[in-house]
Amino acid sequence: HLTASSQNNHRRNPSDLQAFLDKAKQG
């Protein structure tokens, strides 16, 4: 899910997505 944030120009960081996917993969 990609959701709009109230903070404009919030950078999407590849390492953050990787960490999120790693947690989801395990959980």
PDB file of all heavy atoms in Angstrom:
ATOM      1  N   HIS A   1       0.846  -1.193   0.000  1.00  0.00           N
ATOM      2  CA  HIS A   1       0.000   0.000   0.000  1.00  0.00           C
ATOM      3  C   HIS A   1       0.882   1.244   0.000  1.00  0.00           C
ATOM      4  O   HIS A   1       1.760   1.378   0.848  1.00  0.00           O
ATOM      5  CB  HIS A   1      -0.900   0.033   1.234  1.00  0.00           C
ATOM      6  CG  HIS A   1      -2.040  -0.912   1.157  1.00  0.00           C
ATOM      7  ND1 HIS A   1      -3.311  -0.543   1.469  1.00  0.00           N
ATOM      8  CD2 HIS A   1      -2.116  -2.212   0.777  1.00  0.00           C
ATOM      9  CE1 HIS A   1      -4.121  -1.575   1.304  1.00  0.00           C
ATOM     10  NE2 HIS A   1      -3.404  -2.598   0.891  1.00  0.00           N
ATOM     11  N   LEU A   2       0.632   2.143  -0.932  1.00  0.00           N
ATOM     12  CA  LEU A   2       1.259   3.460  -0.941  1.00  0.00           C
ATOM     13  C   LEU A   2       0.177   4.461  -0.575  1.00  0.00           C
ATOM     14  O   LEU A   2      -0.858   4.538  -1.231  1.00  0.00           O
ATOM     15  CB  LEU A   2       1.841   3.784  -2.317  1.00  0.00           C
ATOM     16  CG  LEU A   2       3.032   2.943  -2.751  1.00  0.00           C
ATOM     17  CD1 LEU A   2       3.449   3.313  -4.170  1.00  0.00           C
ATOM     18  CD2 LEU A   2       4.199   3.139  -1.806  1.00  0.00           C
ATOM     19  N   THR A   3       0.406   5.221   0.486  1.00  0.00           N
ATOM     20  CA  THR A   3      -0.582   6.133   1.042  1.00  0.00           C
ATOM     21  C   THR A   3      -0.031   7.550   1.044  1.00  0.00           C
ATOM     22  O   THR A   3       1.153   7.755   1.295  1.00  0.00           O
ATOM     23  CB  THR A   3      -0.908   5.710   2.493  1.00  0.00           C
ATOM     24  OG1 THR A   3      -1.292   4.331   2.492  1.00  0.00           O
ATOM     25  CG2 THR A   3      -2.027   6.544   3.078  1.00  0.00           C
ATOM     26  N   ALA A   4      -0.904   8.521   0.797  1.00  0.00           N
ATOM     27  CA  ALA A   4      -0.497   9.925   0.832  1.00  0.00           C
ATOM     28  C   ALA A   4      -0.253  10.354   2.271  1.00  0.00           C
ATOM     29  O   ALA A   4      -1.019  10.025   3.167  1.00  0.00           O
ATOM     30  CB  ALA A   4      -1.565  10.800   0.191  1.00  0.00           C
ATOM     31  N   SER A   5       0.826  11.087   2.481  1.00  0.00           N
ATOM     32  CA  SER A   5       1.157  11.632   3.787  1.00  0.00           C
ATOM     33  C   SER A   5       0.851  13.122   3.792  1.00  0.00           C
ATOM     34  O   SER A   5       0.867  13.769   2.748  1.00  0.00           O
ATOM     35  CB  SER A   5       2.647  11.414   4.071  1.00  0.00           C
ATOM     36  OG  SER A   5       3.046  12.136   5.211  1.00  0.00           O
ATOM     37  N   SER A   6       0.606  13.667   4.961  1.00  0.00           N
ATOM     38  CA  SER A   6       0.381  15.109   5.063  1.00  0.00           C
ATOM     39  C   SER A   6       1.695  15.881   4.938  1.00  0.00           C
ATOM     40  O   SER A   6       1.684  17.089   4.763  1.00  0.00           O
ATOM     41  CB  SER A   6      -0.287  15.440   6.395  1.00  0.00           C
ATOM     42  OG  SER A   6       0.540  15.022   7.463  1.00  0.00           O
ATOM     43  N   GLN A   7       2.833  15.187   5.008  1.00  0.00           N
ATOM     44  CA  GLN A   7       4.142  15.827   4.859  1.00  0.00           C
ATOM     45  C   GLN A   7       4.562  15.760   3.396  1.00  0.00           C
ATOM     46  O   GLN A   7       4.801  14.684   2.871  1.00  0.00           O
ATOM     47  CB  GLN A   7       5.196  15.128   5.699  1.00  0.00           C
ATOM     48  CG  GLN A   7       4.958  15.169   7.173  1.00  0.00           C
ATOM     49  CD  GLN A   7       6.048  14.417   7.921  1.00  0.00           C
ATOM     50  OE1 GLN A   7       6.967  13.879   7.335  1.00  0.00           O
ATOM     51  NE2 GLN A   7       5.921  14.380   9.236  1.00  0.00           N
ATOM     52  N   ASN A   8       4.626  16.893   2.738  1.00  0.00           N
ATOM     53  CA  ASN A   8       5.073  16.914   1.347  1.00  0.00           C
ATOM     54  C   ASN A   8       6.570  16.668   1.271  1.00  0.00           C
ATOM     55  O   ASN A   8       7.312  16.965   2.191  1.00  0.00           O
ATOM     56  CB  ASN A   8       4.719  18.244   0.685  1.00  0.00           C
ATOM     57  CG  ASN A   8       3.235  18.341   0.396  1.00  0.00           C
ATOM     58  OD1 ASN A   8       2.551  17.335   0.267  1.00  0.00           O
ATOM     59  ND2 ASN A   8       2.743  19.556   0.304  1.00  0.00           N
ATOM     60  N   ASN A   9       7.013  16.134   0.136  1.00  0.00           N
ATOM     61  CA  ASN A   9       8.424  15.844  -0.116  1.00  0.00           C
ATOM     62  C   ASN A   9       9.041  14.937   0.932  1.00  0.00           C
ATOM     63  O   ASN A   9      10.153  15.147   1.383  1.00  0.00           O
ATOM     64  CB  ASN A   9       9.238  17.136  -0.243  1.00  0.00           C
ATOM     65  CG  ASN A   9       8.863  17.889  -1.482  1.00  0.00           C
ATOM     66  OD1 ASN A   9       8.468  17.291  -2.482  1.00  0.00           O
ATOM     67  ND2 ASN A   9       8.961  19.196  -1.438  1.00  0.00           N
ATOM     68  N   HIS A  10       8.311  13.931   1.349  1.00  0.00           N
ATOM     69  CA  HIS A  10       8.833  12.939   2.289  1.00  0.00           C
ATOM     70  C   HIS A  10       9.562  11.888   1.455  1.00  0.00           C
ATOM     71  O   HIS A  10       8.942  11.138   0.728  1.00  0.00           O
ATOM     72  CB  HIS A  10       7.682  12.305   3.076  1.00  0.00           C
ATOM     73  CG  HIS A  10       8.144  11.336   4.099  1.00  0.00           C
ATOM     74  ND1 HIS A  10       8.763  11.729   5.267  1.00  0.00           N
ATOM     75  CD2 HIS A  10       8.102   9.993   4.125  1.00  0.00           C
ATOM     76  CE1 HIS A  10       9.062  10.649   5.973  1.00  0.00           C
ATOM     77  NE2 HIS A  10       8.681   9.596   5.302  1.00  0.00           N
ATOM     78  N   ARG A  11      10.872  11.856   1.544  1.00  0.00           N
ATOM     79  CA  ARG A  11      11.674  10.990   0.683  1.00  0.00           C
ATOM     80  C   ARG A  11      11.441   9.515   0.981  1.00  0.00           C
ATOM     81  O   ARG A  11      11.501   9.077   2.116  1.00  0.00           O
ATOM     82  CB  ARG A  11      13.156  11.316   0.866  1.00  0.00           C
ATOM     83  CG  ARG A  11      14.018  10.593  -0.136  1.00  0.00           C
ATOM     84  CD  ARG A  11      15.482  10.894   0.014  1.00  0.00           C
ATOM     85  NE  ARG A  11      15.743  12.264   0.331  1.00  0.00           N
ATOM     86  CZ  ARG A  11      16.608  12.638   1.278  1.00  0.00           C
ATOM     87  NH1 ARG A  11      17.264  11.762   1.978  1.00  0.00           N
ATOM     88  NH2 ARG A  11      16.815  13.903   1.517  1.00  0.00           N
ATOM     89  N   ARG A  12      11.189   8.729  -0.073  1.00  0.00           N
ATOM     90  CA  ARG A  12      11.085   7.280   0.052  1.00  0.00           C
ATOM     91  C   ARG A  12      12.491   6.707  -0.090  1.00  0.00           C
ATOM     92  O   ARG A  12      13.117   6.839  -1.126  1.00  0.00           O
ATOM     93  CB  ARG A  12      10.158   6.727  -1.032  1.00  0.00           C
ATOM     94  CG  ARG A  12       8.719   7.118  -0.855  1.00  0.00           C
ATOM     95  CD  ARG A  12       7.859   6.579  -1.977  1.00  0.00           C
ATOM     96  NE  ARG A  12       8.218   7.150  -3.266  1.00  0.00           N
ATOM     97  CZ  ARG A  12       7.662   8.226  -3.798  1.00  0.00           C
ATOM     98  NH1 ARG A  12       6.724   8.864  -3.157  1.00  0.00           N
ATOM     99  NH2 ARG A  12       8.044   8.662  -4.975  1.00  0.00           N
ATOM    100  N   ASN A  13      12.961   6.070   0.945  1.00  0.00           N
ATOM    101  CA  ASN A  13      14.320   5.564   0.987  1.00  0.00           C
ATOM    102  C   ASN A  13      14.324   4.072   0.682  1.00  0.00           C
ATOM    103  O   ASN A  13      13.599   3.314   1.332  1.00  0.00           O
ATOM    104  CB  ASN A  13      14.890   5.849   2.379  1.00  0.00           C
ATOM    105  CG  ASN A  13      16.337   5.496   2.496  1.00  0.00           C
ATOM    106  OD1 ASN A  13      16.776   4.441   2.050  1.00  0.00           O
ATOM    107  ND2 ASN A  13      17.094   6.378   3.120  1.00  0.00           N
ATOM    108  N   PRO A  14      15.143   3.606  -0.285  1.00  0.00           N
ATOM    109  CA  PRO A  14      15.173   2.176  -0.620  1.00  0.00           C
ATOM    110  C   PRO A  14      15.530   1.285   0.562  1.00  0.00           C
ATOM    111  O   PRO A  14      14.962   0.207   0.708  1.00  0.00           O
ATOM    112  CB  PRO A  14      16.245   2.086  -1.706  1.00  0.00           C
ATOM    113  CG  PRO A  14      16.357   3.447  -2.265  1.00  0.00           C
ATOM    114  CD  PRO A  14      16.015   4.392  -1.160  1.00  0.00           C
ATOM    115  N   SER A  15      16.438   1.727   1.416  1.00  0.00           N
ATOM    116  CA  SER A  15      16.816   0.880   2.555  1.00  0.00           C
ATOM    117  C   SER A  15      15.661   0.756   3.553  1.00  0.00           C
ATOM    118  O   SER A  15      15.510  -0.275   4.203  1.00  0.00           O
ATOM    119  CB  SER A  15      18.076   1.406   3.237  1.00  0.00           C
ATOM    120  OG  SER A  15      17.869   2.701   3.740  1.00  0.00           O
ATOM    121  N   ASP A  16      14.842   1.807   3.670  1.00  0.00           N
ATOM    122  CA  ASP A  16      13.670   1.731   4.545  1.00  0.00           C
ATOM    123  C   ASP A  16      12.652   0.727   4.005  1.00  0.00           C
ATOM    124  O   ASP A  16      12.065  -0.046   4.762  1.00  0.00           O
ATOM    125  CB  ASP A  16      13.004   3.098   4.698  1.00  0.00           C
ATOM    126  CG  ASP A  16      13.849   4.075   5.496  1.00  0.00           C
ATOM    127  OD1 ASP A  16      14.783   3.623   6.193  1.00  0.00           O
ATOM    128  OD2 ASP A  16      13.576   5.280   5.407  1.00  0.00           O
ATOM    129  N   LEU A  17      12.429   0.761   2.692  1.00  0.00           N
ATOM    130  CA  LEU A  17      11.502  -0.208   2.091  1.00  0.00           C
ATOM    131  C   LEU A  17      12.057  -1.616   2.224  1.00  0.00           C
ATOM    132  O   LEU A  17      11.320  -2.553   2.531  1.00  0.00           O
ATOM    133  CB  LEU A  17      11.216   0.128   0.626  1.00  0.00           C
ATOM    134  CG  LEU A  17      10.267  -0.821  -0.105  1.00  0.00           C
ATOM    135  CD1 LEU A  17       8.929  -0.976   0.622  1.00  0.00           C
ATOM    136  CD2 LEU A  17      10.042  -0.351  -1.544  1.00  0.00           C
ATOM    137  N   GLN A  18      13.369  -1.769   2.028  1.00  0.00           N
ATOM    138  CA  GLN A  18      13.997  -3.082   2.178  1.00  0.00           C
ATOM    139  C   GLN A  18      13.801  -3.614   3.600  1.00  0.00           C
ATOM    140  O   GLN A  18      13.431  -4.770   3.796  1.00  0.00           O
ATOM    141  CB  GLN A  18      15.489  -2.998   1.846  1.00  0.00           C
ATOM    142  CG  GLN A  18      16.224  -4.318   1.982  1.00  0.00           C
ATOM    143  CD  GLN A  18      15.820  -5.332   0.943  1.00  0.00           C
ATOM    144  OE1 GLN A  18      15.706  -5.023  -0.233  1.00  0.00           O
ATOM    145  NE2 GLN A  18      15.578  -6.554   1.366  1.00  0.00           N
ATOM    146  N   ALA A  19      14.005  -2.766   4.603  1.00  0.00           N
ATOM    147  CA  ALA A  19      13.821  -3.182   5.996  1.00  0.00           C
ATOM    148  C   ALA A  19      12.358  -3.538   6.268  1.00  0.00           C
ATOM    149  O   ALA A  19      12.070  -4.525   6.960  1.00  0.00           O
ATOM    150  CB  ALA A  19      14.277  -2.069   6.939  1.00  0.00           C
ATOM    151  N   PHE A  20      11.447  -2.750   5.709  1.00  0.00           N
ATOM    152  CA  PHE A  20      10.014  -3.017   5.869  1.00  0.00           C
ATOM    153  C   PHE A  20       9.647  -4.360   5.233  1.00  0.00           C
ATOM    154  O   PHE A  20       8.933  -5.176   5.831  1.00  0.00           O
ATOM    155  CB  PHE A  20       9.228  -1.865   5.234  1.00  0.00           C
ATOM    156  CG  PHE A  20       7.747  -1.905   5.458  1.00  0.00           C
ATOM    157  CD1 PHE A  20       7.198  -2.238   6.684  1.00  0.00           C
ATOM    158  CD2 PHE A  20       6.880  -1.570   4.433  1.00  0.00           C
ATOM    159  CE1 PHE A  20       5.830  -2.243   6.890  1.00  0.00           C
ATOM    160  CE2 PHE A  20       5.508  -1.578   4.619  1.00  0.00           C
ATOM    161  CZ  PHE A  20       4.982  -1.919   5.849  1.00  0.00           C
ATOM    162  N   LEU A  21      10.166  -4.620   4.035  1.00  0.00           N
ATOM    163  CA  LEU A  21       9.890  -5.898   3.364  1.00  0.00           C
ATOM    164  C   LEU A  21      10.531  -7.070   4.113  1.00  0.00           C
ATOM    165  O   LEU A  21       9.946  -8.153   4.174  1.00  0.00           O
ATOM    166  CB  LEU A  21      10.377  -5.851   1.918  1.00  0.00           C
ATOM    167  CG  LEU A  21       9.597  -4.938   0.984  1.00  0.00           C
ATOM    168  CD1 LEU A  21      10.283  -4.850  -0.377  1.00  0.00           C
ATOM    169  CD2 LEU A  21       8.157  -5.401   0.846  1.00  0.00           C
ATOM    170  N   ASP A  22      11.713  -6.876   4.677  1.00  0.00           N
ATOM    171  CA  ASP A  22      12.360  -7.936   5.457  1.00  0.00           C
ATOM    172  C   ASP A  22      11.507  -8.311   6.668  1.00  0.00           C
ATOM    173  O   ASP A  22      11.323  -9.492   6.965  1.00  0.00           O
ATOM    174  CB  ASP A  22      13.758  -7.506   5.915  1.00  0.00           C
ATOM    175  CG  ASP A  22      14.772  -7.500   4.786  1.00  0.00           C
ATOM    176  OD1 ASP A  22      14.520  -8.129   3.741  1.00  0.00           O
ATOM    177  OD2 ASP A  22      15.829  -6.849   4.961  1.00  0.00           O
ATOM    178  N   LYS A  23      10.971  -7.281   7.370  1.00  0.00           N
ATOM    179  CA  LYS A  23      10.094  -7.552   8.518  1.00  0.00           C
ATOM    180  C   LYS A  23       8.824  -8.270   8.071  1.00  0.00           C
ATOM    181  O   LYS A  23       8.376  -9.222   8.720  1.00  0.00           O
ATOM    182  CB  LYS A  23       9.704  -6.242   9.205  1.00  0.00           C
ATOM    183  CG  LYS A  23      10.798  -5.619  10.003  1.00  0.00           C
ATOM    184  CD  LYS A  23      10.322  -4.314  10.624  1.00  0.00           C
ATOM    185  CE  LYS A  23      11.455  -3.540  11.228  1.00  0.00           C
ATOM    186  NZ  LYS A  23      11.015  -2.235  11.752  1.00  0.00           N
ATOM    187  N   ALA A  24       8.245  -7.823   6.962  1.00  0.00           N
ATOM    188  CA  ALA A  24       7.028  -8.449   6.452  1.00  0.00           C
ATOM    189  C   ALA A  24       7.304  -9.881   5.991  1.00  0.00           C
ATOM    190  O   ALA A  24       6.499 -10.783   6.226  1.00  0.00           O
ATOM    191  CB  ALA A  24       6.445  -7.634   5.295  1.00  0.00           C
ATOM    192  N   LYS A  25       8.444 -10.084   5.344  1.00  0.00           N
ATOM    193  CA  LYS A  25       8.807 -11.424   4.876  1.00  0.00           C
ATOM    194  C   LYS A  25       8.924 -12.396   6.040  1.00  0.00           C
ATOM    195  O   LYS A  25       8.438 -13.521   5.971  1.00  0.00           O
ATOM    196  CB  LYS A  25      10.121 -11.353   4.093  1.00  0.00           C
ATOM    197  CG  LYS A  25      10.475 -12.590   3.339  1.00  0.00           C
ATOM    198  CD  LYS A  25      11.700 -12.360   2.465  1.00  0.00           C
ATOM    199  CE  LYS A  25      12.032 -13.600   1.676  1.00  0.00           C
ATOM    200  NZ  LYS A  25      13.185 -13.374   0.792  1.00  0.00           N
ATOM    201  N   GLN A  26       9.521 -11.931   7.122  1.00  0.00           N
ATOM    202  CA  GLN A  26       9.677 -12.772   8.301  1.00  0.00           C
ATOM    203  C   GLN A  26       8.350 -12.927   9.045  1.00  0.00           C
ATOM    204  O   GLN A  26       7.956 -14.032   9.404  1.00  0.00           O
ATOM    205  CB  GLN A  26      10.730 -12.190   9.221  1.00  0.00           C
ATOM    206  CG  GLN A  26      11.031 -13.051  10.419  1.00  0.00           C
ATOM    207  CD  GLN A  26      12.125 -12.445  11.278  1.00  0.00           C
ATOM    208  OE1 GLN A  26      12.233 -11.231  11.400  1.00  0.00           O
ATOM    209  NE2 GLN A  26      12.939 -13.303  11.862  1.00  0.00           N
ATOM    210  N   GLY A  27       7.655 -11.834   9.275  1.00  0.00           N
ATOM    211  CA  GLY A  27       6.425 -11.868  10.063  1.00  0.00           C
ATOM    212  C   GLY A  27       5.254 -12.544   9.369  1.00  0.00           C
ATOM    213  O   GLY A  27       4.415 -13.170  10.013  1.00  0.00           O
TER     214      GLY A  27
END
